[in-house]
Protein backbone atom coordinates (compact mmCIF):
# COMPACT_ATOMS: atom_id res chain seq x y z
CA MET A 1 0.00 0.00 0.00
CA GLU A 2 1.32 3.44 -0.92
CA ALA A 3 2.21 5.55 2.12
CA THR A 4 0.33 8.81 2.57
CA SER A 5 1.95 12.10 3.48
CA LEU A 6 0.22 13.46 6.56
CA GLU A 7 0.72 17.03 7.73
CA ARG A 8 -0.81 19.08 10.50
CA LEU A 9 -3.87 20.90 9.24
CA GLN A 10 -2.66 24.35 10.33
CA LYS A 11 0.51 23.87 8.27
CA VAL A 12 -1.53 22.94 5.18
CA LEU A 13 -3.80 25.96 5.70
CA ALA A 14 -0.81 28.26 6.06
CA ALA A 15 0.75 26.85 2.89
CA ALA A 16 -2.55 27.56 1.10
CA GLY A 17 -2.23 31.23 2.00
CA VAL A 18 -4.89 31.40 4.70
CA GLY A 19 -2.51 33.16 7.10
CA SER A 20 0.14 32.41 9.68
CA ARG A 21 -0.03 29.10 11.53
CA ARG A 22 -1.22 30.93 14.63
CA LYS A 23 -4.06 32.51 12.64
CA CYS A 24 -4.93 29.12 11.13
CA GLU A 25 -5.10 27.58 14.59
CA GLU A 26 -7.57 30.31 15.60
CA LEU A 27 -9.75 29.57 12.57
CA ILE A 28 -9.75 25.84 13.36
CA GLY A 29 -10.62 26.55 16.99
CA GLN A 30 -13.55 28.71 15.85
CA GLY A 31 -14.99 25.79 13.88
CA ARG A 32 -14.67 27.60 10.55
CA VAL A 33 -12.58 24.89 8.85
CA ARG A 34 -13.95 21.61 7.53
CA VAL A 35 -12.09 18.61 6.16
CA ASP A 36 -14.17 16.53 3.75
CA GLY A 37 -17.28 18.15 5.21
CA VAL A 38 -16.42 17.46 8.86
CA VAL A 39 -15.56 20.27 11.30
CA ALA A 40 -11.80 20.12 11.87
CA THR A 41 -10.08 19.90 15.24
CA LEU A 42 -6.75 21.27 16.37
CA GLY A 43 -3.90 18.82 15.92
CA CYS A 44 -5.51 16.72 13.20
CA LYS A 45 -3.33 15.57 10.32
CA VAL A 46 -4.37 15.45 6.67
CA ASP A 47 -3.09 14.35 3.28
CA ARG A 48 -3.44 17.45 1.13
CA ALA A 49 -3.40 15.32 -2.04
CA THR A 50 -6.59 13.45 -1.20
CA ILE A 51 -8.83 15.70 0.91
CA GLN A 52 -10.98 18.79 0.43
CA ILE A 53 -10.65 21.65 2.87
CA THR A 54 -13.16 24.46 3.17
CA LEU A 55 -12.99 27.73 5.08
CA ASP A 56 -16.34 29.34 5.82
CA GLY A 57 -17.81 27.08 3.14
CA ARG A 58 -15.30 28.03 0.42
CA ILE A 59 -13.05 25.35 -1.06
CA LEU A 60 -9.37 26.19 -0.61
CA PRO A 61 -7.09 25.78 -3.65
CA LEU A 62 -4.26 23.85 -2.02
CA GLY A 63 -1.99 24.09 -5.06
CA GLU A 64 -2.20 27.88 -5.45
CA THR A 65 0.89 29.58 -6.88
CA LYS A 66 2.81 31.59 -4.30
CA ARG A 67 2.88 35.36 -4.68
CA TYR A 68 4.92 37.97 -2.84
CA ILE A 69 4.09 41.68 -2.97
CA VAL A 70 5.77 44.62 -1.25
CA LEU A 71 3.53 47.61 -0.52
CA HIS A 72 4.15 51.12 0.78
CA LYS A 73 1.20 51.44 3.15
CA PRO A 74 -0.02 55.01 3.59
CA ALA A 75 -1.32 56.34 6.89
CA GLY A 76 -5.05 55.85 7.39
CA ILE A 77 -5.21 52.32 5.94
CA LEU A 78 -5.99 49.29 8.13
CA THR A 79 -3.49 46.43 7.92
CA VAL A 80 -6.17 43.91 6.94
CA MET A 81 -7.63 42.84 3.61
CA ASP A 82 -11.31 43.22 4.59
CA ASP A 83 -13.23 45.19 7.20
CA ASP A 84 -16.90 44.70 8.09
CA ARG A 85 -17.16 48.36 9.14
CA GLY A 86 -16.34 49.68 5.68
CA ARG A 87 -12.99 51.25 6.56
CA LYS A 88 -10.14 51.51 4.04
CA THR A 89 -8.09 48.31 3.82
CA LEU A 90 -5.15 46.89 1.90
CA SER A 91 -7.38 45.26 -0.72
CA SER A 92 -8.27 48.74 -2.02
CA LEU A 93 -4.58 49.29 -2.78
CA VAL A 94 -3.66 45.81 -4.07
CA PRO A 95 -6.58 44.48 -6.18
CA VAL A 96 -5.17 41.09 -7.19
CA ALA A 97 -6.86 37.75 -7.81
CA GLU A 98 -4.85 35.81 -5.22
CA ARG A 99 -5.99 35.60 -1.59
CA LEU A 100 -3.11 37.45 0.09
CA TYR A 101 -2.45 38.31 3.71
CA PRO A 102 -0.18 40.92 5.33
CA VAL A 103 2.88 39.61 7.16
CA GLY A 104 2.88 41.45 10.49
CA ARG A 105 1.14 44.75 11.08
CA LEU A 106 1.48 48.50 10.92
CA ASP A 107 -0.98 50.49 13.00
CA LEU A 108 -3.50 52.79 11.34
CA ASN A 109 -1.34 55.93 11.44
CA SER A 110 1.97 54.25 10.63
CA GLU A 111 3.35 53.99 7.12
CA GLY A 112 5.83 52.07 5.04
CA LEU A 113 6.86 48.58 4.10
CA LEU A 114 4.37 45.72 4.21
CA LEU A 115 4.81 42.26 2.73
CA LEU A 116 1.66 40.60 1.34
CA THR A 117 1.77 36.91 0.46
CA ASN A 118 -0.12 33.63 0.33
CA ASP A 119 2.99 31.75 1.52
CA GLY A 120 1.87 30.81 5.01
CA GLU A 121 5.12 29.07 5.97
CA LEU A 122 7.17 32.19 5.21
CA ALA A 123 4.65 34.37 7.06
CA HIS A 124 4.95 32.06 10.08
CA ARG A 125 8.72 32.34 10.19
CA LEU A 126 8.71 36.11 9.73
CA THR A 127 6.22 36.74 12.54
CA HIS A 128 6.75 33.99 15.12
CA PRO A 129 8.49 35.21 18.33
CA ARG A 130 10.92 32.28 18.10
CA TYR A 131 12.61 33.95 15.13
CA SER A 132 14.32 37.32 15.15
CA HIS A 133 14.15 39.47 12.03
CA PRO A 134 15.43 43.05 12.25
CA LYS A 135 13.01 45.73 11.08
CA GLY A 136 14.09 49.29 10.28
CA TYR A 137 12.03 52.45 10.82
CA THR A 138 12.52 56.16 10.28
CA VAL A 139 10.69 58.01 13.04
CA LEU A 140 9.97 61.71 13.52
CA VAL A 141 9.58 62.63 17.21
CA GLU A 142 8.74 65.77 19.13
CA GLY A 143 11.69 67.65 20.57
CA GLU A 144 15.35 66.73 20.52
CA PRO A 145 16.17 63.55 22.48
CA ASP A 146 19.38 63.89 24.47
CA ASP A 147 22.02 61.19 24.84
CA ALA A 148 20.36 59.81 27.97
CA ALA A 149 17.06 59.32 26.14
CA LEU A 150 18.78 57.57 23.24
CA GLU A 151 20.75 55.36 25.63
CA ALA A 152 17.50 54.36 27.36
CA LEU A 153 15.86 53.49 24.03
CA ASN A 154 18.88 51.44 23.00
CA ARG A 155 19.14 49.65 26.32
CA GLY A 156 15.40 49.01 26.63
CA VAL A 157 12.56 50.71 28.50
CA ILE A 158 9.58 49.41 30.45
CA VAL A 159 6.46 49.31 28.29
CA ARG A 160 3.29 48.09 29.98
CA GLY A 161 5.24 46.38 32.72
CA LYS A 162 7.69 44.56 30.46
CA PRO A 163 11.14 45.68 29.28
CA THR A 164 11.74 46.02 25.57
CA ARG A 165 14.65 44.15 24.06
CA PRO A 166 17.80 46.15 23.29
CA ALA A 167 17.40 48.13 20.07
CA ARG A 168 19.55 50.32 17.87
CA VAL A 169 18.34 53.91 17.86
CA GLU A 170 20.31 56.73 16.24
CA ARG A 171 19.75 60.36 15.36
CA MET A 172 19.58 60.99 11.63
CA THR A 173 21.90 63.78 10.55
CA GLU A 174 19.54 64.78 7.74
CA PRO A 175 15.92 64.04 6.87
CA PRO A 176 15.20 60.80 5.02
CA GLY A 177 14.95 61.19 1.27
CA GLU A 178 12.09 60.31 -1.02
CA PRO A 179 9.74 58.55 -0.89
CA VAL A 180 9.62 58.88 2.91
CA SER A 181 9.79 62.67 3.14
CA PRO A 182 9.77 64.49 -0.20
CA SER A 183 8.75 67.74 1.51
CA ASP A 184 8.76 67.22 5.29
CA GLY A 185 12.36 67.97 6.11
CA PHE A 186 12.97 68.65 9.77
CA ALA A 187 9.81 70.09 11.31
CA GLU A 188 10.41 72.77 13.93
CA ASN A 189 11.40 71.34 17.32
CA SER A 190 11.47 67.74 16.10
CA THR A 191 14.06 65.06 15.36
CA TRP A 192 14.31 62.19 12.87
CA LEU A 193 15.52 58.93 14.43
CA HIS A 194 16.33 55.57 12.88
CA PHE A 195 15.18 52.49 14.82
CA THR A 196 16.26 48.89 14.28
CA LEU A 197 14.13 46.46 16.31
CA GLN A 198 14.41 42.71 16.82
CA GLU A 199 10.87 42.38 18.19
CA GLY A 200 7.44 43.61 17.16
CA ARG A 201 5.18 44.38 20.10
CA LYS A 202 1.99 46.34 19.46
CA ARG A 203 2.67 50.09 18.98
CA GLN A 204 6.13 49.45 20.42
CA ILE A 205 8.04 52.41 19.00
CA ARG A 206 5.28 54.88 19.85
CA ARG A 207 5.18 53.62 23.42
CA MET A 208 8.98 53.57 23.77
CA CYS A 209 9.24 57.17 22.61
CA ALA A 210 6.44 58.26 24.92
CA VAL A 211 8.31 56.73 27.88
CA VAL A 212 11.34 58.99 27.23
CA GLY A 213 9.18 62.06 26.66
CA HIS A 214 9.37 62.39 22.87
CA PRO A 215 6.04 61.37 21.28
CA VAL A 216 6.06 60.10 17.71
CA LEU A 217 4.88 62.48 14.99
CA ARG A 218 5.46 60.13 12.06
CA LEU A 219 6.60 56.52 11.71
CA VAL A 220 7.69 54.81 8.48
CA ARG A 221 8.94 51.20 8.24
CA VAL A 222 11.73 50.99 5.68
CA SER A 223 13.01 47.40 5.96
CA ILE A 224 12.16 43.86 7.03
CA GLY A 225 15.29 41.73 7.15
CA PRO A 226 16.85 41.99 3.67
CA LEU A 227 13.67 43.46 2.14
CA LEU A 228 13.75 47.24 1.55
CA LEU A 229 11.03 49.81 0.89
CA GLY A 230 13.20 51.38 -1.81
CA GLN A 231 11.59 54.09 -3.93
CA LEU A 232 7.97 52.96 -3.62
CA ARG A 233 5.74 55.92 -2.91
CA ALA A 234 2.77 55.73 -0.52
CA GLY A 235 0.09 53.49 -2.05
CA GLN A 236 2.41 51.89 -4.61
CA TRP A 237 3.22 48.17 -4.71
CA ARG A 238 5.21 45.67 -6.77
CA ASP A 239 5.93 41.96 -6.93
CA LEU A 240 9.17 40.82 -5.37
CA THR A 241 11.85 39.71 -7.78
CA PRO A 242 12.92 36.03 -7.69
CA SER A 243 16.22 37.03 -6.08
CA GLU A 244 14.40 38.99 -3.36
CA VAL A 245 12.18 35.98 -2.66
CA ARG A 246 15.24 33.73 -2.38
CA ARG A 247 17.04 36.12 -0.01
CA LEU A 248 13.97 36.61 2.17
CA THR A 249 13.22 32.87 2.29
CA LEU A 250 16.83 32.06 3.13
CA ASP A 251 16.90 34.69 5.87
CA ALA A 252 13.59 33.47 7.31
CA GLY A 253 14.75 29.87 7.25
CA THR A 254 18.08 30.38 8.99
CA ARG A 255 17.59 33.21 11.48
CA LYS A 256 16.88 32.33 15.10
CA GLN A 257 16.11 34.54 18.08
CA GLY A 258 19.25 36.31 19.25
CA SER A 259 21.15 35.73 16.01
């Protein structure tokens, strides 16, 4: 008898572009996933070659071609593809046929680099706390942080009762160029900083800067690991090149926390 290839259901869902493994586990737990018509349970294993999986009644195409898109998210756009309250979402900016999901988040008023993909395994590795992928941000803050404030940000500050991991925070000697700030320059009584973080807690940079007394005026993500925002203007997007996909996949597959 020919051996079957069994995989955990959440891994198969992630590979089909449903979302990260954590998100897929949530969907399974909510009873929204069925395998051959039967409500799925966490931990079950399936053979993707012989079964039919549905999500909310829709059949999932398990052999869908992978797609990778980099987007410059403007402020005022939710980092989701759909919203039942009618607010502006990513799907209004990237109207493609594939069912894509954002890797990680940017809050409503933050801008910059977002990766959209249906590669659930890559999304899992880029977002799971076990892995450590540096992300770069240019940040405009109120006032002029002194050396003590920068040292505190670099060393780590207490945010909601928990210390942040050490970061790299530096003053920028001149404003960032286009497309980040074609006309902003240095606003009066403000400072551009460059952050490199190894973690991604909710609203982390905004809360870190508030702790040291320099609230954020503008926040733009410019890199995720080897992936760069480049010259994309707000609202623009493009497909990753094959070499970018290889570099990102290699980085995601080899990097561990603390590396």
